[in-house]
Amino acid sequence: MAIPQEPTSKFVKIRCPKCKNEQITFGKGATKVKCLVCGKTISEPTGGKTRIKARILEVLE
């Protein structure tokens, strides 16, 4: 019987460096994420993990 594997990617709570807005994004996202308040790019896809350009506050389970 196969053991189910845990997912390797998580959701991440980050804070925009420009306006301090807190936002949740996916740790392995495939699209560019902009801050919902000021529009600054806070994460970019790299082909694997996302390059986060903001402060990581919490990794959500």
PDB file of N, CA and C in Angstrom:
ATOM      1  N   MET A   1       0.844  -1.173   0.000  1.00  0.00           N
ATOM      2  CA  MET A   1       0.000   0.000   0.000  1.00  0.00           C
ATOM      3  C   MET A   1       0.896   1.245   0.000  1.00  0.00           C
ATOM      4  N   ALA A   2       0.609   2.198  -0.875  1.00  0.00           N
ATOM      5  CA  ALA A   2       1.418   3.415  -0.985  1.00  0.00           C
ATOM      6  C   ALA A   2       1.052   4.408   0.110  1.00  0.00           C
ATOM      7  N   ILE A   3       2.054   5.077   0.635  1.00  0.00           N
ATOM      8  CA  ILE A   3       1.848   6.103   1.653  1.00  0.00           C
ATOM      9  C   ILE A   3       1.646   7.436   0.936  1.00  0.00           C
ATOM     10  N   PRO A   4       0.558   8.143   1.229  1.00  0.00           N
ATOM     11  CA  PRO A   4       0.355   9.433   0.565  1.00  0.00           C
ATOM     12  C   PRO A   4       1.426  10.435   0.977  1.00  0.00           C
ATOM     13  N   GLN A   5       1.921  11.201  -0.002  1.00  0.00           N
ATOM     14  CA  GLN A   5       2.976  12.164   0.284  1.00  0.00           C
ATOM     15  C   GLN A   5       2.380  13.502   0.681  1.00  0.00           C
ATOM     16  N   GLU A   6       3.122  14.199   1.528  1.00  0.00           N
ATOM     17  CA  GLU A   6       2.748  15.557   1.929  1.00  0.00           C
ATOM     18  C   GLU A   6       3.061  16.509   0.779  1.00  0.00           C
ATOM     19  N   PRO A   7       2.264  17.532   0.580  1.00  0.00           N
ATOM     20  CA  PRO A   7       2.619  18.523  -0.444  1.00  0.00           C
ATOM     21  C   PRO A   7       3.887  19.274  -0.043  1.00  0.00           C
ATOM     22  N   THR A   8       4.710  19.602  -1.022  1.00  0.00           N
ATOM     23  CA  THR A   8       5.976  20.278  -0.726  1.00  0.00           C
ATOM     24  C   THR A   8       5.850  21.790  -0.783  1.00  0.00           C
ATOM     25  N   SER A   9       4.728  22.296  -1.263  1.00  0.00           N
ATOM     26  CA  SER A   9       4.553  23.744  -1.363  1.00  0.00           C
ATOM     27  C   SER A   9       3.542  24.223  -0.333  1.00  0.00           C
ATOM     28  N   LYS A  10       3.725  25.450   0.095  1.00  0.00           N
ATOM     29  CA  LYS A  10       2.870  26.034   1.142  1.00  0.00           C
ATOM     30  C   LYS A  10       2.411  27.421   0.712  1.00  0.00           C
ATOM     31  N   PHE A  11       1.432  27.936   1.422  1.00  0.00           N
ATOM     32  CA  PHE A  11       1.044  29.327   1.261  1.00  0.00           C
ATOM     33  C   PHE A  11       1.904  30.154   2.216  1.00  0.00           C
ATOM     34  N   VAL A  12       2.224  31.379   1.797  1.00  0.00           N
ATOM     35  CA  VAL A  12       3.122  32.226   2.565  1.00  0.00           C
ATOM     36  C   VAL A  12       2.456  33.581   2.795  1.00  0.00           C
ATOM     37  N   LYS A  13       2.484  34.049   4.049  1.00  0.00           N
ATOM     38  CA  LYS A  13       1.966  35.378   4.376  1.00  0.00           C
ATOM     39  C   LYS A  13       3.136  36.346   4.317  1.00  0.00           C
ATOM     40  N   ILE A  14       3.026  37.375   3.466  1.00  0.00           N
ATOM     41  CA  ILE A  14       4.120  38.321   3.275  1.00  0.00           C
ATOM     42  C   ILE A  14       3.635  39.747   3.485  1.00  0.00           C
ATOM     43  N   ARG A  15       4.603  40.661   3.757  1.00  0.00           N
ATOM     44  CA  ARG A  15       4.289  42.075   3.975  1.00  0.00           C
ATOM     45  C   ARG A  15       4.994  42.901   2.912  1.00  0.00           C
ATOM     46  N   CYS A  16       4.246  43.740   2.226  1.00  0.00           N
ATOM     47  CA  CYS A  16       4.793  44.620   1.193  1.00  0.00           C
ATOM     48  C   CYS A  16       5.793  45.589   1.821  1.00  0.00           C
ATOM     49  N   PRO A  17       7.000  45.727   1.229  1.00  0.00           N
ATOM     50  CA  PRO A  17       7.995  46.639   1.803  1.00  0.00           C
ATOM     51  C   PRO A  17       7.642  48.113   1.619  1.00  0.00           C
ATOM     52  N   LYS A  18       6.762  48.402   0.673  1.00  0.00           N
ATOM     53  CA  LYS A  18       6.428  49.795   0.380  1.00  0.00           C
ATOM     54  C   LYS A  18       5.299  50.317   1.267  1.00  0.00           C
ATOM     55  N   CYS A  19       4.173  49.574   1.338  1.00  0.00           N
ATOM     56  CA  CYS A  19       2.995  50.091   2.055  1.00  0.00           C
ATOM     57  C   CYS A  19       2.627  49.278   3.296  1.00  0.00           C
ATOM     58  N   LYS A  20       3.368  48.201   3.582  1.00  0.00           N
ATOM     59  CA  LYS A  20       3.168  47.348   4.769  1.00  0.00           C
ATOM     60  C   LYS A  20       1.869  46.536   4.733  1.00  0.00           C
ATOM     61  N   ASN A  21       1.252  46.409   3.558  1.00  0.00           N
ATOM     62  CA  ASN A  21       0.061  45.578   3.427  1.00  0.00           C
ATOM     63  C   ASN A  21       0.457  44.106   3.562  1.00  0.00           C
ATOM     64  N   GLU A  22      -0.335  43.323   4.294  1.00  0.00           N
ATOM     65  CA  GLU A  22      -0.084  41.895   4.445  1.00  0.00           C
ATOM     66  C   GLU A  22      -0.941  41.144   3.437  1.00  0.00           C
ATOM     67  N   GLN A  23      -0.329  40.144   2.797  1.00  0.00           N
ATOM     68  CA  GLN A  23      -0.996  39.421   1.736  1.00  0.00           C
ATOM     69  C   GLN A  23      -0.549  37.970   1.769  1.00  0.00           C
ATOM     70  N   ILE A  24      -1.394  37.054   1.303  1.00  0.00           N
ATOM     71  CA  ILE A  24      -1.059  35.638   1.258  1.00  0.00           C
ATOM     72  C   ILE A  24      -0.858  35.239  -0.196  1.00  0.00           C
ATOM     73  N   THR A  25       0.242  34.538  -0.471  1.00  0.00           N
ATOM     74  CA  THR A  25       0.543  34.075  -1.820  1.00  0.00           C
ATOM     75  C   THR A  25       1.014  32.626  -1.759  1.00  0.00           C
ATOM     76  N   PHE A  26       1.088  31.976  -2.913  1.00  0.00           N
ATOM     77  CA  PHE A  26       1.506  30.585  -2.990  1.00  0.00           C
ATOM     78  C   PHE A  26       3.014  30.513  -3.117  1.00  0.00           C
ATOM     79  N   GLY A  27       3.650  29.609  -2.418  1.00  0.00           N
ATOM     80  CA  GLY A  27       5.097  29.497  -2.402  1.00  0.00           C
ATOM     81  C   GLY A  27       5.719  29.053  -3.715  1.00  0.00           C
ATOM     82  N   LYS A  28       4.935  28.409  -4.585  1.00  0.00           N
ATOM     83  CA  LYS A  28       5.436  27.979  -5.889  1.00  0.00           C
ATOM     84  C   LYS A  28       4.516  28.503  -6.992  1.00  0.00           C
ATOM     85  N   GLY A  29       4.185  29.769  -6.916  1.00  0.00           N
ATOM     86  CA  GLY A  29       3.280  30.376  -7.881  1.00  0.00           C
ATOM     87  C   GLY A  29       3.894  30.495  -9.266  1.00  0.00           C
ATOM     88  N   ALA A  30       3.052  30.504 -10.303  1.00  0.00           N
ATOM     89  CA  ALA A  30       3.513  30.588 -11.689  1.00  0.00           C
ATOM     90  C   ALA A  30       3.257  31.961 -12.296  1.00  0.00           C
ATOM     91  N   THR A  31       2.729  32.889 -11.517  1.00  0.00           N
ATOM     92  CA  THR A  31       2.462  34.232 -12.030  1.00  0.00           C
ATOM     93  C   THR A  31       3.068  35.277 -11.113  1.00  0.00           C
ATOM     94  N   LYS A  32       3.293  36.458 -11.663  1.00  0.00           N
ATOM     95  CA  LYS A  32       3.815  37.581 -10.892  1.00  0.00           C
ATOM     96  C   LYS A  32       2.705  38.078  -9.968  1.00  0.00           C
ATOM     97  N   VAL A  33       3.038  38.346  -8.712  1.00  0.00           N
ATOM     98  CA  VAL A  33       2.055  38.834  -7.738  1.00  0.00           C
ATOM     99  C   VAL A  33       2.387  40.271  -7.381  1.00  0.00           C
ATOM    100  N   LYS A  34       1.374  41.142  -7.474  1.00  0.00           N
ATOM    101  CA  LYS A  34       1.541  42.544  -7.103  1.00  0.00           C
ATOM    102  C   LYS A  34       0.755  42.820  -5.836  1.00  0.00           C
ATOM    103  N   CYS A  35       1.208  43.803  -5.066  1.00  0.00           N
ATOM    104  CA  CYS A  35       0.509  44.220  -3.858  1.00  0.00           C
ATOM    105  C   CYS A  35      -0.868  44.737  -4.259  1.00  0.00           C
ATOM    106  N   LEU A  36      -1.879  44.347  -3.511  1.00  0.00           N
ATOM    107  CA  LEU A  36      -3.247  44.755  -3.813  1.00  0.00           C
ATOM    108  C   LEU A  36      -3.500  46.225  -3.501  1.00  0.00           C
ATOM    109  N   VAL A  37      -2.652  46.831  -2.665  1.00  0.00           N
ATOM    110  CA  VAL A  37      -2.850  48.227  -2.270  1.00  0.00           C
ATOM    111  C   VAL A  37      -2.053  49.182  -3.161  1.00  0.00           C
ATOM    112  N   CYS A  38      -0.734  48.973  -3.264  1.00  0.00           N
ATOM    113  CA  CYS A  38       0.114  49.938  -3.976  1.00  0.00           C
ATOM    114  C   CYS A  38       0.566  49.480  -5.359  1.00  0.00           C
ATOM    115  N   GLY A  39       0.412  48.203  -5.684  1.00  0.00           N
ATOM    116  CA  GLY A  39       0.774  47.705  -7.007  1.00  0.00           C
ATOM    117  C   GLY A  39       2.220  47.281  -7.181  1.00  0.00           C
ATOM    118  N   LYS A  40       3.039  47.335  -6.129  1.00  0.00           N
ATOM    119  CA  LYS A  40       4.445  46.920  -6.225  1.00  0.00           C
ATOM    120  C   LYS A  40       4.521  45.405  -6.401  1.00  0.00           C
ATOM    121  N   THR A  41       5.427  44.937  -7.262  1.00  0.00           N
ATOM    122  CA  THR A  41       5.627  43.506  -7.464  1.00  0.00           C
ATOM    123  C   THR A  41       6.277  42.926  -6.211  1.00  0.00           C
ATOM    124  N   ILE A  42       5.615  41.925  -5.606  1.00  0.00           N
ATOM    125  CA  ILE A  42       6.144  41.355  -4.369  1.00  0.00           C
ATOM    126  C   ILE A  42       6.618  39.911  -4.523  1.00  0.00           C
ATOM    127  N   SER A  43       6.288  39.265  -5.652  1.00  0.00           N
ATOM    128  CA  SER A  43       6.857  37.948  -5.924  1.00  0.00           C
ATOM    129  C   SER A  43       6.821  37.676  -7.426  1.00  0.00           C
ATOM    130  N   GLU A  44       7.824  36.885  -7.875  1.00  0.00           N
ATOM    131  CA  GLU A  44       7.961  36.545  -9.287  1.00  0.00           C
ATOM    132  C   GLU A  44       8.217  35.057  -9.424  1.00  0.00           C
ATOM    133  N   PRO A  45       7.693  34.434 -10.482  1.00  0.00           N
ATOM    134  CA  PRO A  45       7.974  33.008 -10.700  1.00  0.00           C
ATOM    135  C   PRO A  45       9.408  32.806 -11.192  1.00  0.00           C
ATOM    136  N   THR A  46      10.007  31.667 -10.850  1.00  0.00           N
ATOM    137  CA  THR A  46      11.369  31.365 -11.293  1.00  0.00           C
ATOM    138  C   THR A  46      11.438  30.018 -11.999  1.00  0.00           C
ATOM    139  N   GLY A  47      10.324  29.341 -12.147  1.00  0.00           N
ATOM    140  CA  GLY A  47      10.320  28.005 -12.717  1.00  0.00           C
ATOM    141  C   GLY A  47      10.247  26.930 -11.649  1.00  0.00           C
ATOM    142  N   GLY A  48      10.366  27.310 -10.410  1.00  0.00           N
ATOM    143  CA  GLY A  48      10.266  26.406  -9.264  1.00  0.00           C
ATOM    144  C   GLY A  48       9.625  27.178  -8.138  1.00  0.00           C
ATOM    145  N   LYS A  49      10.398  27.440  -7.101  1.00  0.00           N
ATOM    146  CA  LYS A  49       9.901  28.283  -6.015  1.00  0.00           C
ATOM    147  C   LYS A  49       9.769  29.720  -6.486  1.00  0.00           C
ATOM    148  N   THR A  50       8.890  30.455  -5.847  1.00  0.00           N
ATOM    149  CA  THR A  50       8.683  31.853  -6.181  1.00  0.00           C
ATOM    150  C   THR A  50       9.765  32.711  -5.530  1.00  0.00           C
ATOM    151  N   ARG A  51      10.267  33.716  -6.263  1.00  0.00           N
ATOM    152  CA  ARG A  51      11.215  34.680  -5.681  1.00  0.00           C
ATOM    153  C   ARG A  51      10.381  35.749  -4.982  1.00  0.00           C
ATOM    154  N   ILE A  52      10.451  35.776  -3.663  1.00  0.00           N
ATOM    155  CA  ILE A  52       9.646  36.707  -2.873  1.00  0.00           C
ATOM    156  C   ILE A  52      10.470  37.949  -2.582  1.00  0.00           C
ATOM    157  N   LYS A  53       9.899  39.109  -2.918  1.00  0.00           N
ATOM    158  CA  LYS A  53      10.590  40.394  -2.742  1.00  0.00           C
ATOM    159  C   LYS A  53       9.985  41.176  -1.589  1.00  0.00           C
ATOM    160  N   ALA A  54       9.493  40.481  -0.599  1.00  0.00           N
ATOM    161  CA  ALA A  54       8.864  41.104   0.554  1.00  0.00           C
ATOM    162  C   ALA A  54       9.258  40.301   1.790  1.00  0.00           C
ATOM    163  N   ARG A  55       8.902  40.810   2.939  1.00  0.00           N
ATOM    164  CA  ARG A  55       9.214  40.120   4.193  1.00  0.00           C
ATOM    165  C   ARG A  55       8.220  38.986   4.412  1.00  0.00           C
ATOM    166  N   ILE A  56       8.734  37.793   4.691  1.00  0.00           N
ATOM    167  CA  ILE A  56       7.883  36.645   4.989  1.00  0.00           C
ATOM    168  C   ILE A  56       7.506  36.707   6.454  1.00  0.00           C
ATOM    169  N   LEU A  57       6.201  36.763   6.724  1.00  0.00           N
ATOM    170  CA  LEU A  57       5.728  36.825   8.099  1.00  0.00           C
ATOM    171  C   LEU A  57       5.439  35.449   8.669  1.00  0.00           C
ATOM    172  N   GLU A  58       4.900  34.565   7.823  1.00  0.00           N
ATOM    173  CA  GLU A  58       4.450  33.270   8.332  1.00  0.00           C
ATOM    174  C   GLU A  58       4.299  32.292   7.162  1.00  0.00           C
ATOM    175  N   VAL A  59       4.618  31.039   7.387  1.00  0.00           N
ATOM    176  CA  VAL A  59       4.364  29.973   6.423  1.00  0.00           C
ATOM    177  C   VAL A  59       3.133  29.228   6.914  1.00  0.00           C
ATOM    178  N   LEU A  60       2.099  29.209   6.103  1.00  0.00           N
ATOM    179  CA  LEU A  60       0.827  28.611   6.503  1.00  0.00           C
ATOM    180  C   LEU A  60       0.768  27.155   6.131  1.00  0.00           C
ATOM    181  N   GLU A  61       0.165  26.347   6.973  1.00  0.00           N
ATOM    182  CA  GLU A  61       0.046  24.901   6.734  1.00  0.00           C
ATOM    183  C   GLU A  61      -1.136  24.595   5.849  1.00  0.00           C
TER     184      GLU A  61
END
